[in-house]
PDB file of N, CA and C in Angstrom:
ATOM      1  N   UNK A   1     -35.247 -30.765 -23.468  1.00  0.00           N
ATOM      2  CA  UNK A   1     -35.547 -29.456 -22.930  1.00  0.00           C
ATOM      3  C   UNK A   1     -36.603 -29.539 -21.837  1.00  0.00           C
ATOM      4  N   UNK A   2     -37.645 -30.335 -22.061  1.00  0.00           N
ATOM      5  CA  UNK A   2     -38.695 -30.481 -21.057  1.00  0.00           C
ATOM      6  C   UNK A   2     -38.146 -31.160 -19.813  1.00  0.00           C
ATOM      7  N   UNK A   3     -37.258 -32.124 -19.984  1.00  0.00           N
ATOM      8  CA  UNK A   3     -36.657 -32.793 -18.836  1.00  0.00           C
ATOM      9  C   UNK A   3     -35.807 -31.833 -18.018  1.00  0.00           C
ATOM     10  N   UNK A   4     -35.216 -30.848 -18.648  1.00  0.00           N
ATOM     11  CA  UNK A   4     -34.377 -29.889 -17.936  1.00  0.00           C
ATOM     12  C   UNK A   4     -35.210 -29.062 -16.959  1.00  0.00           C
ATOM     13  N   UNK A   5     -36.445 -28.754 -17.299  1.00  0.00           N
ATOM     14  CA  UNK A   5     -37.303 -27.997 -16.387  1.00  0.00           C
ATOM     15  C   UNK A   5     -37.672 -28.806 -15.157  1.00  0.00           C
ATOM     16  N   UNK A   6     -37.910 -30.086 -15.333  1.00  0.00           N
ATOM     17  CA  UNK A   6     -38.301 -30.917 -14.201  1.00  0.00           C
ATOM     18  C   UNK A   6     -37.107 -31.318 -13.356  1.00  0.00           C
ATOM     19  N   UNK A   7     -35.937 -31.306 -13.924  1.00  0.00           N
ATOM     20  CA  UNK A   7     -34.737 -31.693 -13.195  1.00  0.00           C
ATOM     21  C   UNK A   7     -34.288 -30.556 -12.283  1.00  0.00           C
ATOM     22  N   UNK A   8     -34.475 -29.341 -12.706  1.00  0.00           N
ATOM     23  CA  UNK A   8     -33.998 -28.190 -11.946  1.00  0.00           C
ATOM     24  C   UNK A   8     -35.089 -27.696 -10.989  1.00  0.00           C
ATOM     25  N   UNK A   9     -35.054 -28.107  -9.715  1.00  0.00           N
ATOM     26  CA  UNK A   9     -36.103 -27.698  -8.771  1.00  0.00           C
ATOM     27  C   UNK A   9     -36.039 -26.212  -8.412  1.00  0.00           C
ATOM     28  N   UNK A  10     -34.880 -25.610  -8.516  1.00  0.00           N
ATOM     29  CA  UNK A  10     -34.757 -24.189  -8.193  1.00  0.00           C
ATOM     30  C   UNK A  10     -35.594 -23.341  -9.144  1.00  0.00           C
ATOM     31  N   UNK A  11     -35.610 -23.726 -10.406  1.00  0.00           N
ATOM     32  CA  UNK A  11     -36.402 -23.002 -11.393  1.00  0.00           C
ATOM     33  C   UNK A  11     -37.893 -23.144 -11.114  1.00  0.00           C
ATOM     34  N   UNK A  12     -38.307 -24.333 -10.725  1.00  0.00           N
ATOM     35  CA  UNK A  12     -39.719 -24.567 -10.407  1.00  0.00           C
ATOM     36  C   UNK A  12     -40.120 -23.766  -9.172  1.00  0.00           C
ATOM     37  N   UNK A  13     -39.258 -23.757  -8.166  1.00  0.00           N
ATOM     38  CA  UNK A  13     -39.552 -23.000  -6.941  1.00  0.00           C
ATOM     39  C   UNK A  13     -39.614 -21.503  -7.245  1.00  0.00           C
ATOM     40  N   UNK A  14     -38.685 -21.008  -8.046  1.00  0.00           N
ATOM     41  CA  UNK A  14     -38.675 -19.587  -8.395  1.00  0.00           C
ATOM     42  C   UNK A  14     -39.926 -19.206  -9.181  1.00  0.00           C
ATOM     43  N   UNK A  15     -40.328 -20.051 -10.125  1.00  0.00           N
ATOM     44  CA  UNK A  15     -41.530 -19.764 -10.912  1.00  0.00           C
ATOM     45  C   UNK A  15     -42.775 -19.787 -10.033  1.00  0.00           C
ATOM     46  N   UNK A  16     -42.840 -20.733  -9.113  1.00  0.00           N
ATOM     47  CA  UNK A  16     -43.980 -20.821  -8.199  1.00  0.00           C
ATOM     48  C   UNK A  16     -44.048 -19.587  -7.299  1.00  0.00           C
ATOM     49  N   UNK A  17     -42.897 -19.156  -6.803  1.00  0.00           N
ATOM     50  CA  UNK A  17     -42.867 -17.956  -5.961  1.00  0.00           C
ATOM     51  C   UNK A  17     -43.297 -16.722  -6.747  1.00  0.00           C
ATOM     52  N   UNK A  18     -42.869 -16.634  -7.988  1.00  0.00           N
ATOM     53  CA  UNK A  18     -43.252 -15.497  -8.821  1.00  0.00           C
ATOM     54  C   UNK A  18     -44.755 -15.474  -9.075  1.00  0.00           C
ATOM     55  N   UNK A  19     -45.325 -16.624  -9.358  1.00  0.00           N
ATOM     56  CA  UNK A  19     -46.774 -16.707  -9.569  1.00  0.00           C
ATOM     57  C   UNK A  19     -47.515 -16.352  -8.278  1.00  0.00           C
ATOM     58  N   UNK A  20     -47.047 -16.864  -7.144  1.00  0.00           N
ATOM     59  CA  UNK A  20     -47.674 -16.547  -5.861  1.00  0.00           C
ATOM     60  C   UNK A  20     -47.597 -15.067  -5.542  1.00  0.00           C
ATOM     61  N   UNK A  21     -46.458 -14.466  -5.826  1.00  0.00           N
ATOM     62  CA  UNK A  21     -46.295 -13.037  -5.594  1.00  0.00           C
ATOM     63  C   UNK A  21     -47.243 -12.225  -6.469  1.00  0.00           C
ATOM     64  N   UNK A  22     -47.413 -12.637  -7.704  1.00  0.00           N
ATOM     65  CA  UNK A  22     -48.348 -11.948  -8.604  1.00  0.00           C
ATOM     66  C   UNK A  22     -49.789 -12.069  -8.109  1.00  0.00           C
ATOM     67  N   UNK A  23     -50.153 -13.235  -7.606  1.00  0.00           N
ATOM     68  CA  UNK A  23     -51.511 -13.434  -7.084  1.00  0.00           C
ATOM     69  C   UNK A  23     -51.747 -12.534  -5.872  1.00  0.00           C
ATOM     70  N   UNK A  24     -50.776 -12.485  -4.953  1.00  0.00           N
ATOM     71  CA  UNK A  24     -50.914 -11.643  -3.762  1.00  0.00           C
ATOM     72  C   UNK A  24     -50.979 -10.166  -4.154  1.00  0.00           C
ATOM     73  N   UNK A  25     -50.131  -9.748  -5.083  1.00  0.00           N
ATOM     74  CA  UNK A  25     -50.143  -8.349  -5.526  1.00  0.00           C
ATOM     75  C   UNK A  25     -51.483  -7.992  -6.167  1.00  0.00           C
ATOM     76  N   UNK A  26     -52.032  -8.894  -6.968  1.00  0.00           N
ATOM     77  CA  UNK A  26     -53.325  -8.646  -7.601  1.00  0.00           C
ATOM     78  C   UNK A  26     -54.432  -8.528  -6.547  1.00  0.00           C
ATOM     79  N   UNK A  27     -54.403  -9.412  -5.550  1.00  0.00           N
ATOM     80  CA  UNK A  27     -55.421  -9.363  -4.496  1.00  0.00           C
ATOM     81  C   UNK A  27     -55.316  -8.062  -3.697  1.00  0.00           C
ATOM     82  N   UNK A  28     -54.098  -7.644  -3.383  1.00  0.00           N
ATOM     83  CA  UNK A  28     -53.921  -6.387  -2.652  1.00  0.00           C
ATOM     84  C   UNK A  28     -54.373  -5.187  -3.487  1.00  0.00           C
ATOM     85  N   UNK A  29     -54.101  -5.220  -4.770  1.00  0.00           N
ATOM     86  CA  UNK A  29     -54.538  -4.135  -5.647  1.00  0.00           C
ATOM     87  C   UNK A  29     -56.055  -4.050  -5.707  1.00  0.00           C
ATOM     88  N   UNK A  30     -56.719  -5.176  -5.803  1.00  0.00           N
ATOM     89  CA  UNK A  30     -58.191  -5.182  -5.818  1.00  0.00           C
ATOM     90  C   UNK A  30     -58.746  -4.648  -4.489  1.00  0.00           C
ATOM     91  N   UNK A  31     -58.126  -5.046  -3.382  1.00  0.00           N
ATOM     92  CA  UNK A  31     -58.559  -4.543  -2.083  1.00  0.00           C
ATOM     93  C   UNK A  31     -58.375  -3.041  -1.964  1.00  0.00           C
ATOM     94  N   UNK A  32     -57.249  -2.535  -2.450  1.00  0.00           N
ATOM     95  CA  UNK A  32     -56.980  -1.101  -2.426  1.00  0.00           C
ATOM     96  C   UNK A  32     -58.003  -0.338  -3.260  1.00  0.00           C
ATOM     97  N   UNK A  33     -58.314  -0.857  -4.441  1.00  0.00           N
ATOM     98  CA  UNK A  33     -59.303  -0.201  -5.298  1.00  0.00           C
ATOM     99  C   UNK A  33     -60.681  -0.208  -4.637  1.00  0.00           C
ATOM    100  N   UNK A  34     -61.025  -1.292  -3.972  1.00  0.00           N
ATOM    101  CA  UNK A  34     -62.296  -1.353  -3.259  1.00  0.00           C
ATOM    102  C   UNK A  34     -62.354  -0.348  -2.125  1.00  0.00           C
ATOM    103  N   UNK A  35     -61.238  -0.209  -1.397  1.00  0.00           N
ATOM    104  CA  UNK A  35     -61.192   0.738  -0.291  1.00  0.00           C
ATOM    105  C   UNK A  35     -61.329   2.166  -0.813  1.00  0.00           C
ATOM    106  N   UNK A  36     -60.650   2.475  -1.926  1.00  0.00           N
ATOM    107  CA  UNK A  36     -60.768   3.811  -2.511  1.00  0.00           C
ATOM    108  C   UNK A  36     -62.198   4.092  -2.969  1.00  0.00           C
ATOM    109  N   UNK A  37     -62.845   3.109  -3.544  1.00  0.00           N
ATOM    110  CA  UNK A  37     -64.233   3.284  -3.980  1.00  0.00           C
ATOM    111  C   UNK A  37     -65.149   3.534  -2.778  1.00  0.00           C
ATOM    112  N   UNK A  38     -64.913   2.818  -1.681  1.00  0.00           N
ATOM    113  CA  UNK A  38     -65.690   3.031  -0.460  1.00  0.00           C
ATOM    114  C   UNK A  38     -65.512   4.454   0.047  1.00  0.00           C
ATOM    115  N   UNK A  39     -64.282   4.939   0.065  1.00  0.00           N
ATOM    116  CA  UNK A  39     -64.030   6.303   0.530  1.00  0.00           C
ATOM    117  C   UNK A  39     -64.672   7.335  -0.403  1.00  0.00           C
ATOM    118  N   UNK A  40     -64.666   7.064  -1.709  1.00  0.00           N
ATOM    119  CA  UNK A  40     -65.341   7.967  -2.651  1.00  0.00           C
ATOM    120  C   UNK A  40     -66.832   8.046  -2.349  1.00  0.00           C
ATOM    121  N   UNK A  41     -67.435   6.896  -2.080  1.00  0.00           N
ATOM    122  CA  UNK A  41     -68.865   6.875  -1.765  1.00  0.00           C
ATOM    123  C   UNK A  41     -69.145   7.618  -0.466  1.00  0.00           C
ATOM    124  N   UNK A  42     -68.274   7.460   0.536  1.00  0.00           N
ATOM    125  CA  UNK A  42     -68.457   8.177   1.795  1.00  0.00           C
ATOM    126  C   UNK A  42     -68.363   9.686   1.582  1.00  0.00           C
ATOM    127  N   UNK A  43     -67.409  10.111   0.763  1.00  0.00           N
ATOM    128  CA  UNK A  43     -67.274  11.543   0.484  1.00  0.00           C
ATOM    129  C   UNK A  43     -68.471  12.081  -0.282  1.00  0.00           C
ATOM    130  N   UNK A  44     -68.985  11.299  -1.218  1.00  0.00           N
ATOM    131  CA  UNK A  44     -70.176  11.724  -1.960  1.00  0.00           C
ATOM    132  C   UNK A  44     -71.372  11.865  -1.034  1.00  0.00           C
ATOM    133  N   UNK A  45     -71.547  10.911  -0.123  1.00  0.00           N
ATOM    134  CA  UNK A  45     -72.658  10.982   0.832  1.00  0.00           C
ATOM    135  C   UNK A  45     -72.501  12.166   1.763  1.00  0.00           C
ATOM    136  N   UNK A  46     -71.284  12.425   2.230  1.00  0.00           N
ATOM    137  CA  UNK A  46     -71.050  13.543   3.144  1.00  0.00           C
ATOM    138  C   UNK A  46     -71.263  14.875   2.433  1.00  0.00           C
ATOM    139  N   UNK A  47     -70.962  14.936   1.153  1.00  0.00           N
ATOM    140  CA  UNK A  47     -71.128  16.182   0.405  1.00  0.00           C
ATOM    141  C   UNK A  47     -72.577  16.537   0.163  1.00  0.00           C
ATOM    142  N   UNK A  48     -73.466  15.552   0.123  1.00  0.00           N
ATOM    143  CA  UNK A  48     -74.881  15.794  -0.163  1.00  0.00           C
ATOM    144  C   UNK A  48     -75.741  15.853   1.094  1.00  0.00           C
ATOM    145  N   UNK A  49     -75.116  15.761   2.265  1.00  0.00           N
ATOM    146  CA  UNK A  49     -75.910  15.692   3.497  1.00  0.00           C
ATOM    147  C   UNK A  49     -76.345  17.066   4.001  1.00  0.00           C
ATOM    148  N   UNK A  50     -75.892  18.131   3.398  1.00  0.00           N
ATOM    149  CA  UNK A  50     -76.289  19.464   3.834  1.00  0.00           C
ATOM    150  C   UNK A  50     -75.157  20.148   4.568  1.00  0.00           C
ATOM    151  N   UNK A  51     -75.484  21.186   5.339  1.00  0.00           N
ATOM    152  CA  UNK A  51     -74.431  21.925   6.040  1.00  0.00           C
ATOM    153  C   UNK A  51     -73.763  21.073   7.115  1.00  0.00           C
ATOM    154  N   UNK A  52     -72.489  21.364   7.350  1.00  0.00           N
ATOM    155  CA  UNK A  52     -71.734  20.604   8.348  1.00  0.00           C
ATOM    156  C   UNK A  52     -72.254  20.910   9.745  1.00  0.00           C
ATOM    157  N   UNK A  53     -72.327  19.895  10.573  1.00  0.00           N
ATOM    158  CA  UNK A  53     -72.809  20.049  11.940  1.00  0.00           C
ATOM    159  C   UNK A  53     -71.895  19.286  12.881  1.00  0.00           C
ATOM    160  N   UNK A  54     -71.888  19.706  14.135  1.00  0.00           N
ATOM    161  CA  UNK A  54     -71.165  18.966  15.159  1.00  0.00           C
ATOM    162  C   UNK A  54     -72.155  18.092  15.904  1.00  0.00           C
ATOM    163  N   UNK A  55     -71.690  17.445  16.966  1.00  0.00           N
ATOM    164  CA  UNK A  55     -72.518  16.464  17.672  1.00  0.00           C
ATOM    165  C   UNK A  55     -73.875  17.000  18.109  1.00  0.00           C
ATOM    166  N   UNK A  56     -73.913  18.180  18.685  1.00  0.00           N
ATOM    167  CA  UNK A  56     -75.156  18.719  19.205  1.00  0.00           C
ATOM    168  C   UNK A  56     -76.083  19.267  18.146  1.00  0.00           C
ATOM    169  N   UNK A  57     -75.672  19.247  16.891  1.00  0.00           N
ATOM    170  CA  UNK A  57     -76.508  19.759  15.821  1.00  0.00           C
ATOM    171  C   UNK A  57     -76.217  21.208  15.479  1.00  0.00           C
ATOM    172  N   UNK A  58     -75.184  21.791  16.099  1.00  0.00           N
ATOM    173  CA  UNK A  58     -74.836  23.181  15.826  1.00  0.00           C
ATOM    174  C   UNK A  58     -74.021  23.270  14.543  1.00  0.00           C
ATOM    175  N   UNK A  59     -73.984  24.444  13.953  1.00  0.00           N
ATOM    176  CA  UNK A  59     -73.254  24.645  12.707  1.00  0.00           C
ATOM    177  C   UNK A  59     -71.762  24.812  12.921  1.00  0.00           C
ATOM    178  N   UNK A  60     -71.060  25.135  11.841  1.00  0.00           N
ATOM    179  CA  UNK A  60     -69.607  25.245  11.870  1.00  0.00           C
ATOM    180  C   UNK A  60     -69.157  26.405  12.761  1.00  0.00           C
ATOM    181  N   UNK A  61     -69.856  27.518  12.715  1.00  0.00           N
ATOM    182  CA  UNK A  61     -69.484  28.660  13.547  1.00  0.00           C
ATOM    183  C   UNK A  61     -69.533  28.330  15.027  1.00  0.00           C
ATOM    184  N   UNK A  62     -70.589  27.646  15.435  1.00  0.00           N
ATOM    185  CA  UNK A  62     -70.706  27.244  16.836  1.00  0.00           C
ATOM    186  C   UNK A  62     -69.624  26.239  17.199  1.00  0.00           C
ATOM    187  N   UNK A  63     -69.233  25.415  16.253  1.00  0.00           N
ATOM    188  CA  UNK A  63     -68.174  24.438  16.512  1.00  0.00           C
ATOM    189  C   UNK A  63     -66.855  25.142  16.778  1.00  0.00           C
ATOM    190  N   UNK A  64     -66.578  26.208  16.036  1.00  0.00           N
ATOM    191  CA  UNK A  64     -65.340  26.959  16.264  1.00  0.00           C
ATOM    192  C   UNK A  64     -65.344  27.625  17.633  1.00  0.00           C
ATOM    193  N   UNK A  65     -66.488  28.159  18.024  1.00  0.00           N
ATOM    194  CA  UNK A  65     -66.602  28.790  19.340  1.00  0.00           C
ATOM    195  C   UNK A  65     -66.399  27.746  20.429  1.00  0.00           C
ATOM    196  N   UNK A  66     -67.019  26.594  20.253  1.00  0.00           N
ATOM    197  CA  UNK A  66     -66.877  25.527  21.239  1.00  0.00           C
ATOM    198  C   UNK A  66     -65.431  25.053  21.319  1.00  0.00           C
ATOM    199  N   UNK A  67     -64.760  24.954  20.189  1.00  0.00           N
ATOM    200  CA  UNK A  67     -63.365  24.532  20.162  1.00  0.00           C
ATOM    201  C   UNK A  67     -62.480  25.551  20.876  1.00  0.00           C
ATOM    202  N   UNK A  68     -62.725  26.836  20.655  1.00  0.00           N
ATOM    203  CA  UNK A  68     -61.960  27.875  21.338  1.00  0.00           C
ATOM    204  C   UNK A  68     -62.192  27.808  22.840  1.00  0.00           C
ATOM    205  N   UNK A  69     -63.435  27.551  23.250  1.00  0.00           N
ATOM    206  CA  UNK A  69     -63.753  27.419  24.665  1.00  0.00           C
ATOM    207  C   UNK A  69     -63.019  26.232  25.278  1.00  0.00           C
ATOM    208  N   UNK A  70     -63.000  25.121  24.575  1.00  0.00           N
ATOM    209  CA  UNK A  70     -62.297  23.939  25.085  1.00  0.00           C
ATOM    210  C   UNK A  70     -60.796  24.187  25.196  1.00  0.00           C
ATOM    211  N   UNK A  71     -60.220  24.894  24.234  1.00  0.00           N
ATOM    212  CA  UNK A  71     -58.793  25.211  24.303  1.00  0.00           C
ATOM    213  C   UNK A  71     -58.490  26.092  25.515  1.00  0.00           C
ATOM    214  N   UNK A  72     -59.361  27.055  25.775  1.00  0.00           N
ATOM    215  CA  UNK A  72     -59.180  27.931  26.935  1.00  0.00           C
ATOM    216  C   UNK A  72     -59.275  27.138  28.233  1.00  0.00           C
ATOM    217  N   UNK A  73     -60.221  26.231  28.308  1.00  0.00           N
ATOM    218  CA  UNK A  73     -60.362  25.398  29.509  1.00  0.00           C
ATOM    219  C   UNK A  73     -59.137  24.518  29.714  1.00  0.00           C
ATOM    220  N   UNK A  74     -58.596  23.976  28.625  1.00  0.00           N
ATOM    221  CA  UNK A  74     -57.387  23.153  28.725  1.00  0.00           C
ATOM    222  C   UNK A  74     -56.218  24.000  29.206  1.00  0.00           C
ATOM    223  N   UNK A  75     -56.091  25.210  28.674  1.00  0.00           N
ATOM    224  CA  UNK A  75     -55.020  26.109  29.094  1.00  0.00           C
ATOM    225  C   UNK A  75     -55.115  26.397  30.591  1.00  0.00           C
ATOM    226  N   UNK A  76     -56.330  26.630  31.093  1.00  0.00           N
ATOM    227  CA  UNK A  76     -56.515  26.893  32.520  1.00  0.00           C
ATOM    228  C   UNK A  76     -56.178  25.666  33.356  1.00  0.00           C
ATOM    229  N   UNK A  77     -56.596  24.486  32.906  1.00  0.00           N
ATOM    230  CA  UNK A  77     -56.289  23.265  33.649  1.00  0.00           C
ATOM    231  C   UNK A  77     -54.788  22.982  33.673  1.00  0.00           C
ATOM    232  N   UNK A  78     -54.097  23.260  32.574  1.00  0.00           N
ATOM    233  CA  UNK A  78     -52.649  23.079  32.551  1.00  0.00           C
ATOM    234  C   UNK A  78     -51.971  24.055  33.503  1.00  0.00           C
ATOM    235  N   UNK A  79     -52.489  25.280  33.578  1.00  0.00           N
ATOM    236  CA  UNK A  79     -51.926  26.264  34.500  1.00  0.00           C
ATOM    237  C   UNK A  79     -52.136  25.827  35.940  1.00  0.00           C
ATOM    238  N   UNK A  80     -53.303  25.289  36.246  1.00  0.00           N
ATOM    239  CA  UNK A  80     -53.580  24.797  37.596  1.00  0.00           C
ATOM    240  C   UNK A  80     -52.653  23.630  37.923  1.00  0.00           C
ATOM    241  N   UNK A  81     -52.458  22.737  36.965  1.00  0.00           N
ATOM    242  CA  UNK A  81     -51.606  21.568  37.191  1.00  0.00           C
ATOM    243  C   UNK A  81     -50.153  21.964  37.419  1.00  0.00           C
ATOM    244  N   UNK A  82     -49.693  23.030  36.773  1.00  0.00           N
ATOM    245  CA  UNK A  82     -48.300  23.449  36.951  1.00  0.00           C
ATOM    246  C   UNK A  82     -48.138  24.404  38.129  1.00  0.00           C
ATOM    247  N   UNK A  83     -49.229  24.813  38.754  1.00  0.00           N
ATOM    248  CA  UNK A  83     -49.167  25.664  39.933  1.00  0.00           C
ATOM    249  C   UNK A  83     -49.079  27.144  39.620  1.00  0.00           C
ATOM    250  N   UNK A  84     -49.414  27.563  38.436  1.00  0.00           N
ATOM    251  CA  UNK A  84     -49.353  28.971  38.039  1.00  0.00           C
ATOM    252  C   UNK A  84     -50.727  29.589  38.242  1.00  0.00           C
ATOM    253  N   UNK A  85     -50.743  30.792  38.838  1.00  0.00           N
ATOM    254  CA  UNK A  85     -52.002  31.517  39.014  1.00  0.00           C
ATOM    255  C   UNK A  85     -52.318  32.288  37.741  1.00  0.00           C
ATOM    256  N   UNK A  86     -53.582  32.329  37.357  1.00  0.00           N
ATOM    257  CA  UNK A  86     -53.993  33.085  36.170  1.00  0.00           C
ATOM    258  C   UNK A  86     -54.450  34.461  36.530  1.00  0.00           C
TER     259      UNK A  86
END
């Protein structure tokens, strides 16, 4: 029986591939769990940092106003590019 395992190289190759696949899957799983833990820590830090702010230090309300202003400016630039008068 033991000689049959050493005689059949296909079985040895298949077993080696299966073990290698398990090792790679385990390593990827550990990496995924580490990445999830990192993201959890980032979310915890962001949750305790206080009120949300944009680059200039303004609050969320000012960010919405700034975003609306930028959208309006983009709309005007697109109109200029297409040759339409506002």
